[in-house]
PDB file of all heavy atoms in Angstrom:
ATOM      1  N   ASP A   1     100.625 -21.671 -83.953  1.00  0.00           N
ATOM      2  CA  ASP A   1     101.796 -22.377 -83.431  1.00  0.00           C
ATOM      3  C   ASP A   1     101.404 -23.836 -83.231  1.00  0.00           C
ATOM      4  O   ASP A   1     100.594 -24.156 -82.365  1.00  0.00           O
ATOM      5  CB  ASP A   1     102.243 -21.749 -82.113  1.00  0.00           C
ATOM      6  CG  ASP A   1     103.510 -22.384 -81.541  1.00  0.00           C
ATOM      7  OD1 ASP A   1     103.908 -23.459 -82.039  1.00  0.00           O
ATOM      8  OD2 ASP A   1     104.089 -21.821 -80.607  1.00  0.00           O
ATOM      9  N   ARG A   2     101.976 -24.724 -84.052  1.00  0.00           N
ATOM     10  CA  ARG A   2     101.594 -26.133 -83.975  1.00  0.00           C
ATOM     11  C   ARG A   2     101.866 -26.718 -82.594  1.00  0.00           C
ATOM     12  O   ARG A   2     101.065 -27.492 -82.063  1.00  0.00           O
ATOM     13  CB  ARG A   2     102.362 -26.956 -85.029  1.00  0.00           C
ATOM     14  CG  ARG A   2     101.857 -28.399 -85.161  1.00  0.00           C
ATOM     15  CD  ARG A   2     102.880 -29.280 -85.836  1.00  0.00           C
ATOM     16  NE  ARG A   2     104.082 -29.397 -85.038  1.00  0.00           N
ATOM     17  CZ  ARG A   2     104.205 -30.236 -84.014  1.00  0.00           C
ATOM     18  NH1 ARG A   2     103.208 -31.033 -83.678  1.00  0.00           N
ATOM     19  NH2 ARG A   2     105.323 -30.277 -83.319  1.00  0.00           N
ATOM     20  N   GLU A   3     103.001 -26.347 -81.982  1.00  0.00           N
ATOM     21  CA  GLU A   3     103.340 -26.897 -80.682  1.00  0.00           C
ATOM     22  C   GLU A   3     102.361 -26.424 -79.600  1.00  0.00           C
ATOM     23  O   GLU A   3     102.043 -27.156 -78.669  1.00  0.00           O
ATOM     24  CB  GLU A   3     104.773 -26.523 -80.297  1.00  0.00           C
ATOM     25  CG  GLU A   3     105.843 -27.234 -81.113  1.00  0.00           C
ATOM     26  CD  GLU A   3     105.951 -26.717 -82.528  1.00  0.00           C
ATOM     27  OE1 GLU A   3     105.848 -25.482 -82.725  1.00  0.00           O
ATOM     28  OE2 GLU A   3     106.128 -27.540 -83.452  1.00  0.00           O
ATOM     29  N   GLU A   4     101.888 -25.186 -79.726  1.00  0.00           N
ATOM     30  CA  GLU A   4     100.892 -24.681 -78.781  1.00  0.00           C
ATOM     31  C   GLU A   4      99.544 -25.350 -78.997  1.00  0.00           C
ATOM     32  O   GLU A   4      98.834 -25.664 -78.049  1.00  0.00           O
ATOM     33  CB  GLU A   4     100.756 -23.173 -78.964  1.00  0.00           C
ATOM     34  CG  GLU A   4      99.685 -22.531 -78.093  1.00  0.00           C
ATOM     35  CD  GLU A   4      99.517 -21.054 -78.394  1.00  0.00           C
ATOM     36  OE1 GLU A   4     100.535 -20.340 -78.388  1.00  0.00           O
ATOM     37  OE2 GLU A   4      98.379 -20.628 -78.663  1.00  0.00           O
ATOM     38  N   LEU A   5      99.226 -25.620 -80.245  1.00  0.00           N
ATOM     39  CA  LEU A   5      97.922 -26.170 -80.587  1.00  0.00           C
ATOM     40  C   LEU A   5      97.839 -27.668 -80.319  1.00  0.00           C
ATOM     41  O   LEU A   5      96.834 -28.163 -79.806  1.00  0.00           O
ATOM     42  CB  LEU A   5      97.625 -25.892 -82.060  1.00  0.00           C
ATOM     43  CG  LEU A   5      96.215 -26.189 -82.569  1.00  0.00           C
ATOM     44  CD1 LEU A   5      95.181 -25.310 -81.875  1.00  0.00           C
ATOM     45  CD2 LEU A   5      96.156 -25.970 -84.084  1.00  0.00           C
ATOM     46  N   CYS A   6      98.898 -28.394 -80.646  1.00  0.00           N
ATOM     47  CA  CYS A   6      98.845 -29.868 -80.587  1.00  0.00           C
ATOM     48  C   CYS A   6      99.976 -30.497 -79.799  1.00  0.00           C
ATOM     49  O   CYS A   6     100.109 -31.734 -79.783  1.00  0.00           O
ATOM     50  CB  CYS A   6      98.860 -30.437 -82.008  1.00  0.00           C
ATOM     51  SG  CYS A   6      97.509 -29.877 -83.053  1.00  0.00           S
ATOM     52  N   GLU A   7     100.824 -29.692 -79.161  1.00  0.00           N
ATOM     53  CA  GLU A   7     101.965 -30.191 -78.399  1.00  0.00           C
ATOM     54  C   GLU A   7     102.818 -31.109 -79.281  1.00  0.00           C
ATOM     55  O   GLU A   7     103.248 -30.704 -80.342  1.00  0.00           O
ATOM     56  CB  GLU A   7     101.490 -30.883 -77.122  1.00  0.00           C
ATOM     57  CG  GLU A   7     100.790 -29.920 -76.165  1.00  0.00           C
ATOM     58  CD  GLU A   7     100.375 -30.557 -74.870  1.00  0.00           C
ATOM     59  OE1 GLU A   7     100.375 -31.802 -74.787  1.00  0.00           O
ATOM     60  OE2 GLU A   7     100.067 -29.803 -73.925  1.00  0.00           O
ATOM     61  N   SER A   8     103.049 -32.357 -78.854  1.00  0.00           N
ATOM     62  CA  SER A   8     103.957 -33.238 -79.597  1.00  0.00           C
ATOM     63  C   SER A   8     103.229 -34.257 -80.459  1.00  0.00           C
ATOM     64  O   SER A   8     103.812 -35.256 -80.875  1.00  0.00           O
ATOM     65  CB  SER A   8     104.887 -33.969 -78.613  1.00  0.00           C
ATOM     66  OG  SER A   8     104.116 -34.740 -77.687  1.00  0.00           O
ATOM     67  N   ALA A   9     101.936 -34.039 -80.720  1.00  0.00           N
ATOM     68  CA  ALA A   9     101.177 -34.971 -81.551  1.00  0.00           C
ATOM     69  C   ALA A   9     101.793 -35.078 -82.938  1.00  0.00           C
ATOM     70  O   ALA A   9     102.280 -34.093 -83.489  1.00  0.00           O
ATOM     71  CB  ALA A   9      99.724 -34.514 -81.656  1.00  0.00           C
ATOM     72  N   VAL A  10     101.760 -36.296 -83.503  1.00  0.00           N
ATOM     73  CA  VAL A  10     102.352 -36.515 -84.816  1.00  0.00           C
ATOM     74  C   VAL A  10     101.628 -35.713 -85.890  1.00  0.00           C
ATOM     75  O   VAL A  10     102.243 -35.134 -86.782  1.00  0.00           O
ATOM     76  CB  VAL A  10     102.335 -38.019 -85.165  1.00  0.00           C
ATOM     77  CG1 VAL A  10     102.829 -38.250 -86.587  1.00  0.00           C
ATOM     78  CG2 VAL A  10     103.186 -38.800 -84.165  1.00  0.00           C
ATOM     79  N   SER A  11     100.312 -35.694 -85.823  1.00  0.00           N
ATOM     80  CA  SER A  11      99.539 -34.890 -86.771  1.00  0.00           C
ATOM     81  C   SER A  11      98.795 -33.797 -86.003  1.00  0.00           C
ATOM     82  O   SER A  11      98.461 -33.966 -84.832  1.00  0.00           O
ATOM     83  CB  SER A  11      98.539 -35.763 -87.537  1.00  0.00           C
ATOM     84  OG  SER A  11      97.616 -36.374 -86.647  1.00  0.00           O
ATOM     85  N   CYS A  12      98.540 -32.693 -86.680  1.00  0.00           N
ATOM     86  CA  CYS A  12      97.907 -31.550 -86.015  1.00  0.00           C
ATOM     87  C   CYS A  12      96.900 -30.921 -86.956  1.00  0.00           C
ATOM     88  O   CYS A  12      97.215 -30.631 -88.110  1.00  0.00           O
ATOM     89  CB  CYS A  12      98.973 -30.532 -85.608  1.00  0.00           C
ATOM     90  SG  CYS A  12      98.318 -29.072 -84.748  1.00  0.00           S
ATOM     91  N   SER A  13      95.694 -30.721 -86.472  1.00  0.00           N
ATOM     92  CA  SER A  13      94.659 -30.083 -87.282  1.00  0.00           C
ATOM     93  C   SER A  13      93.588 -29.521 -86.369  1.00  0.00           C
ATOM     94  O   SER A  13      93.528 -29.839 -85.183  1.00  0.00           O
ATOM     95  CB  SER A  13      94.039 -31.091 -88.266  1.00  0.00           C
ATOM     96  OG  SER A  13      93.361 -32.115 -87.549  1.00  0.00           O
ATOM     97  N   PHE A  14      92.742 -28.670 -86.934  1.00  0.00           N
ATOM     98  CA  PHE A  14      91.554 -28.239 -86.217  1.00  0.00           C
ATOM     99  C   PHE A  14      90.415 -28.143 -87.223  1.00  0.00           C
ATOM    100  O   PHE A  14      90.632 -28.050 -88.443  1.00  0.00           O
ATOM    101  CB  PHE A  14      91.772 -26.914 -85.473  1.00  0.00           C
ATOM    102  CG  PHE A  14      92.124 -25.748 -86.342  1.00  0.00           C
ATOM    103  CD1 PHE A  14      91.141 -24.949 -86.923  1.00  0.00           C
ATOM    104  CD2 PHE A  14      93.453 -25.428 -86.592  1.00  0.00           C
ATOM    105  CE1 PHE A  14      91.467 -23.867 -87.715  1.00  0.00           C
ATOM    106  CE2 PHE A  14      93.797 -24.342 -87.393  1.00  0.00           C
ATOM    107  CZ  PHE A  14      92.791 -23.565 -87.956  1.00  0.00           C
ATOM    108  N   ASN A  15      89.193 -28.204 -86.716  1.00  0.00           N
ATOM    109  CA  ASN A  15      88.010 -28.260 -87.571  1.00  0.00           C
ATOM    110  C   ASN A  15      87.210 -26.966 -87.511  1.00  0.00           C
ATOM    111  O   ASN A  15      87.156 -26.292 -86.473  1.00  0.00           O
ATOM    112  CB  ASN A  15      87.112 -29.433 -87.167  1.00  0.00           C
ATOM    113  CG  ASN A  15      87.784 -30.765 -87.387  1.00  0.00           C
ATOM    114  OD1 ASN A  15      88.437 -30.976 -88.404  1.00  0.00           O
ATOM    115  ND2 ASN A  15      87.643 -31.681 -86.442  1.00  0.00           N
ATOM    116  N   LEU A  16      86.588 -26.640 -88.630  1.00  0.00           N
ATOM    117  CA  LEU A  16      85.681 -25.502 -88.741  1.00  0.00           C
ATOM    118  C   LEU A  16      84.383 -25.990 -89.365  1.00  0.00           C
ATOM    119  O   LEU A  16      84.345 -27.028 -90.029  1.00  0.00           O
ATOM    120  CB  LEU A  16      86.275 -24.413 -89.638  1.00  0.00           C
ATOM    121  CG  LEU A  16      87.633 -23.816 -89.275  1.00  0.00           C
ATOM    122  CD1 LEU A  16      88.117 -22.921 -90.411  1.00  0.00           C
ATOM    123  CD2 LEU A  16      87.537 -23.018 -87.978  1.00  0.00           C
ATOM    124  N   GLU A  17      83.347 -25.227 -89.138  1.00  0.00           N
ATOM    125  CA  GLU A  17      82.090 -25.455 -89.847  1.00  0.00           C
ATOM    126  C   GLU A  17      81.749 -24.185 -90.613  1.00  0.00           C
ATOM    127  O   GLU A  17      81.816 -23.091 -90.070  1.00  0.00           O
ATOM    128  CB  GLU A  17      80.960 -25.803 -88.877  1.00  0.00           C
ATOM    129  CG  GLU A  17      81.098 -27.170 -88.246  1.00  0.00           C
ATOM    130  CD  GLU A  17      79.926 -27.525 -87.353  1.00  0.00           C
ATOM    131  OE1 GLU A  17      79.172 -26.597 -86.972  1.00  0.00           O
ATOM    132  OE2 GLU A  17      79.757 -28.706 -87.039  1.00  0.00           O
ATOM    133  N   ALA A  18      81.424 -24.358 -91.898  1.00  0.00           N
ATOM    134  CA  ALA A  18      80.997 -23.241 -92.732  1.00  0.00           C
ATOM    135  C   ALA A  18      79.486 -23.331 -92.905  1.00  0.00           C
ATOM    136  O   ALA A  18      78.961 -24.378 -93.298  1.00  0.00           O
ATOM    137  CB  ALA A  18      81.701 -23.291 -94.084  1.00  0.00           C
ATOM    138  N   LEU A  19      78.784 -22.258 -92.594  1.00  0.00           N
ATOM    139  CA  LEU A  19      77.324 -22.251 -92.622  1.00  0.00           C
ATOM    140  C   LEU A  19      76.807 -21.242 -93.644  1.00  0.00           C
ATOM    141  O   LEU A  19      77.327 -20.130 -93.760  1.00  0.00           O
ATOM    142  CB  LEU A  19      76.760 -21.892 -91.240  1.00  0.00           C
ATOM    143  CG  LEU A  19      77.059 -22.851 -90.078  1.00  0.00           C
ATOM    144  CD1 LEU A  19      76.523 -22.274 -88.789  1.00  0.00           C
ATOM    145  CD2 LEU A  19      76.451 -24.211 -90.348  1.00  0.00           C
ATOM    146  N   ALA A  20      75.783 -21.667 -94.389  1.00  0.00           N
ATOM    147  CA  ALA A  20      75.068 -20.769 -95.297  1.00  0.00           C
ATOM    148  C   ALA A  20      73.574 -20.970 -95.063  1.00  0.00           C
ATOM    149  O   ALA A  20      73.103 -22.107 -94.930  1.00  0.00           O
ATOM    150  CB  ALA A  20      75.433 -21.066 -96.754  1.00  0.00           C
ATOM    151  N   ASN A  21      72.823 -19.881 -95.015  1.00  0.00           N
ATOM    152  CA  ASN A  21      71.384 -19.950 -94.745  1.00  0.00           C
ATOM    153  C   ASN A  21      70.565 -19.904 -96.046  1.00  0.00           C
ATOM    154  O   ASN A  21      71.056 -19.543 -97.117  1.00  0.00           O
ATOM    155  CB  ASN A  21      70.959 -18.787 -93.845  1.00  0.00           C
ATOM    156  CG  ASN A  21      71.578 -18.895 -92.467  1.00  0.00           C
ATOM    157  OD1 ASN A  21      71.687 -19.984 -91.920  1.00  0.00           O
ATOM    158  ND2 ASN A  21      71.999 -17.766 -91.906  1.00  0.00           N
ATOM    159  N   SER A  22      69.287 -20.255 -95.893  1.00  0.00           N
ATOM    160  CA  SER A  22      68.264 -20.111 -96.955  1.00  0.00           C
ATOM    161  C   SER A  22      68.632 -20.733 -98.303  1.00  0.00           C
ATOM    162  O   SER A  22      68.845 -20.015 -99.285  1.00  0.00           O
ATOM    163  CB  SER A  22      67.943 -18.615 -97.138  1.00  0.00           C
ATOM    164  OG  SER A  22      67.514 -18.038 -95.933  1.00  0.00           O
ATOM    165  N   PRO A  23      68.728 -22.020 -98.442  1.00  0.00           N
ATOM    166  CA  PRO A  23      68.490 -23.008 -97.386  1.00  0.00           C
ATOM    167  C   PRO A  23      69.736 -23.198 -96.521  1.00  0.00           C
ATOM    168  O   PRO A  23      70.844 -22.863 -96.947  1.00  0.00           O
ATOM    169  CB  PRO A  23      68.179 -24.281 -98.181  1.00  0.00           C
ATOM    170  CG  PRO A  23      69.002 -24.113 -99.420  1.00  0.00           C
ATOM    171  CD  PRO A  23      68.953 -22.655 -99.753  1.00  0.00           C
ATOM    172  N   LEU A  24      69.548 -23.786 -95.339  1.00  0.00           N
ATOM    173  CA  LEU A  24      70.661 -24.019 -94.427  1.00  0.00           C
ATOM    174  C   LEU A  24      71.548 -25.132 -94.977  1.00  0.00           C
ATOM    175  O   LEU A  24      71.082 -26.232 -95.266  1.00  0.00           O
ATOM    176  CB  LEU A  24      70.139 -24.400 -93.044  1.00  0.00           C
ATOM    177  CG  LEU A  24      71.221 -24.702 -91.994  1.00  0.00           C
ATOM    178  CD1 LEU A  24      72.063 -23.450 -91.724  1.00  0.00           C
ATOM    179  CD2 LEU A  24      70.589 -25.213 -90.700  1.00  0.00           C
ATOM    180  N   GLN A  25      72.819 -24.832 -95.144  1.00  0.00           N
ATOM    181  CA  GLN A  25      73.793 -25.818 -95.573  1.00  0.00           C
ATOM    182  C   GLN A  25      75.005 -25.760 -94.644  1.00  0.00           C
ATOM    183  O   GLN A  25      75.433 -24.680 -94.239  1.00  0.00           O
ATOM    184  CB  GLN A  25      74.233 -25.572 -97.023  1.00  0.00           C
ATOM    185  CG  GLN A  25      73.171 -25.922 -98.059  1.00  0.00           C
ATOM    186  CD  GLN A  25      73.664 -25.674 -99.468  1.00  0.00           C
ATOM    187  OE1 GLN A  25      73.890 -24.530 -99.850  1.00  0.00           O
ATOM    188  NE2 GLN A  25      73.813 -26.747-100.239  1.00  0.00           N
ATOM    189  N   LEU A  26      75.526 -26.922 -94.331  1.00  0.00           N
ATOM    190  CA  LEU A  26      76.656 -27.033 -93.414  1.00  0.00           C
ATOM    191  C   LEU A  26      77.800 -27.744 -94.125  1.00  0.00           C
ATOM    192  O   LEU A  26      77.613 -28.808 -94.714  1.00  0.00           O
ATOM    193  CB  LEU A  26      76.257 -27.816 -92.160  1.00  0.00           C
ATOM    194  CG  LEU A  26      77.374 -28.171 -91.171  1.00  0.00           C
ATOM    195  CD1 LEU A  26      77.945 -26.910 -90.548  1.00  0.00           C
ATOM    196  CD2 LEU A  26      76.842 -29.103 -90.085  1.00  0.00           C
ATOM    197  N   TYR A  27      78.993 -27.156 -94.076  1.00  0.00           N
ATOM    198  CA  TYR A  27      80.171 -27.735 -94.689  1.00  0.00           C
ATOM    199  C   TYR A  27      81.237 -27.963 -93.611  1.00  0.00           C
ATOM    200  O   TYR A  27      81.502 -27.073 -92.806  1.00  0.00           O
ATOM    201  CB  TYR A  27      80.740 -26.818 -95.763  1.00  0.00           C
ATOM    202  CG  TYR A  27      79.745 -26.457 -96.838  1.00  0.00           C
ATOM    203  CD1 TYR A  27      78.943 -25.316 -96.691  1.00  0.00           C
ATOM    204  CD2 TYR A  27      79.592 -27.237 -97.974  1.00  0.00           C
ATOM    205  CE1 TYR A  27      78.016 -24.972 -97.673  1.00  0.00           C
ATOM    206  CE2 TYR A  27      78.674 -26.901 -98.960  1.00  0.00           C
ATOM    207  CZ  TYR A  27      77.881 -25.767 -98.795  1.00  0.00           C
ATOM    208  OH  TYR A  27      76.969 -25.435 -99.763  1.00  0.00           O
ATOM    209  N   GLN A  28      81.817 -29.151 -93.620  1.00  0.00           N
ATOM    210  CA  GLN A  28      82.881 -29.472 -92.670  1.00  0.00           C
ATOM    211  C   GLN A  28      84.230 -29.107 -93.280  1.00  0.00           C
ATOM    212  O   GLN A  28      84.521 -29.458 -94.420  1.00  0.00           O
ATOM    213  CB  GLN A  28      82.862 -30.967 -92.319  1.00  0.00           C
ATOM    214  CG  GLN A  28      81.567 -31.463 -91.701  1.00  0.00           C
ATOM    215  CD  GLN A  28      81.331 -30.857 -90.322  1.00  0.00           C
ATOM    216  OE1 GLN A  28      82.280 -30.530 -89.600  1.00  0.00           O
ATOM    217  NE2 GLN A  28      80.062 -30.719 -89.949  1.00  0.00           N
ATOM    218  N   VAL A  29      85.040 -28.398 -92.507  1.00  0.00           N
ATOM    219  CA  VAL A  29      86.347 -27.951 -92.989  1.00  0.00           C
ATOM    220  C   VAL A  29      87.420 -28.389 -91.989  1.00  0.00           C
ATOM    221  O   VAL A  29      87.269 -28.182 -90.782  1.00  0.00           O
ATOM    222  CB  VAL A  29      86.403 -26.417 -93.147  1.00  0.00           C
ATOM    223  CG1 VAL A  29      87.766 -25.986 -93.700  1.00  0.00           C
ATOM    224  CG2 VAL A  29      85.279 -25.935 -94.049  1.00  0.00           C
ATOM    225  N   ARG A  30      88.474 -29.010 -92.491  1.00  0.00           N
ATOM    226  CA  ARG A  30      89.598 -29.367 -91.627  1.00  0.00           C
ATOM    227  C   ARG A  30      90.851 -28.619 -92.098  1.00  0.00           C
ATOM    228  O   ARG A  30      91.162 -28.621 -93.286  1.00  0.00           O
ATOM    229  CB  ARG A  30      89.872 -30.872 -91.640  1.00  0.00           C
ATOM    230  CG  ARG A  30      90.989 -31.271 -90.642  1.00  0.00           C
ATOM    231  CD  ARG A  30      91.170 -32.768 -90.498  1.00  0.00           C
ATOM    232  NE  ARG A  30      91.944 -33.333 -91.604  1.00  0.00           N
ATOM    233  CZ  ARG A  30      91.492 -34.219 -92.446  1.00  0.00           C
ATOM    234  NH1 ARG A  30      90.232 -34.640 -92.356  1.00  0.00           N
ATOM    235  NH2 ARG A  30      92.256 -34.698 -93.432  1.00  0.00           N
ATOM    236  N   ILE A  31      91.550 -28.022 -91.153  1.00  0.00           N
ATOM    237  CA  ILE A  31      92.794 -27.310 -91.445  1.00  0.00           C
ATOM    238  C   ILE A  31      93.950 -28.121 -90.854  1.00  0.00           C
ATOM    239  O   ILE A  31      94.071 -28.253 -89.636  1.00  0.00           O
ATOM    240  CB  ILE A  31      92.800 -25.889 -90.842  1.00  0.00           C
ATOM    241  CG1 ILE A  31      91.531 -25.119 -91.227  1.00  0.00           C
ATOM    242  CG2 ILE A  31      94.061 -25.137 -91.269  1.00  0.00           C
ATOM    243  CD1 ILE A  31      91.413 -24.797 -92.689  1.00  0.00           C
ATOM    244  N   ASN A  32      94.777 -28.693 -91.719  1.00  0.00           N
ATOM    245  CA  ASN A  32      95.963 -29.416 -91.269  1.00  0.00           C
ATOM    246  C   ASN A  32      97.113 -28.433 -91.088  1.00  0.00           C
ATOM    247  O   ASN A  32      97.388 -27.620 -91.978  1.00  0.00           O
ATOM    248  CB  ASN A  32      96.368 -30.487 -92.286  1.00  0.00           C
ATOM    249  CG  ASN A  32      95.357 -31.617 -92.371  1.00  0.00           C
ATOM    250  OD1 ASN A  32      94.743 -31.983 -91.374  1.00  0.00           O
ATOM    251  ND2 ASN A  32      95.189 -32.172 -93.562  1.00  0.00           N
ATOM    252  N   ILE A  33      97.786 -28.524 -89.943  1.00  0.00           N
ATOM    253  CA  ILE A  33      98.915 -27.640 -89.655  1.00  0.00           C
ATOM    254  C   ILE A  33     100.210 -28.423 -89.845  1.00  0.00           C
ATOM    255  O   ILE A  33     100.442 -29.431 -89.183  1.00  0.00           O
ATOM    256  CB  ILE A  33      98.837 -27.081 -88.223  1.00  0.00           C
ATOM    257  CG1 ILE A  33      97.453 -26.460 -87.958  1.00  0.00           C
ATOM    258  CG2 ILE A  33      99.937 -26.052 -87.999  1.00  0.00           C
ATOM    259  CD1 ILE A  33      97.066 -25.372 -88.921  1.00  0.00           C
TER     260      ILE A  33
END
């Protein structure tokens, strides 16, 4: 629910991190609502 997540903000998103081991790799993920 965008209104629950970001209230009245013009833009709404949240961030995730995707992790893989051996070797360790980190990926930044943004989800725009």
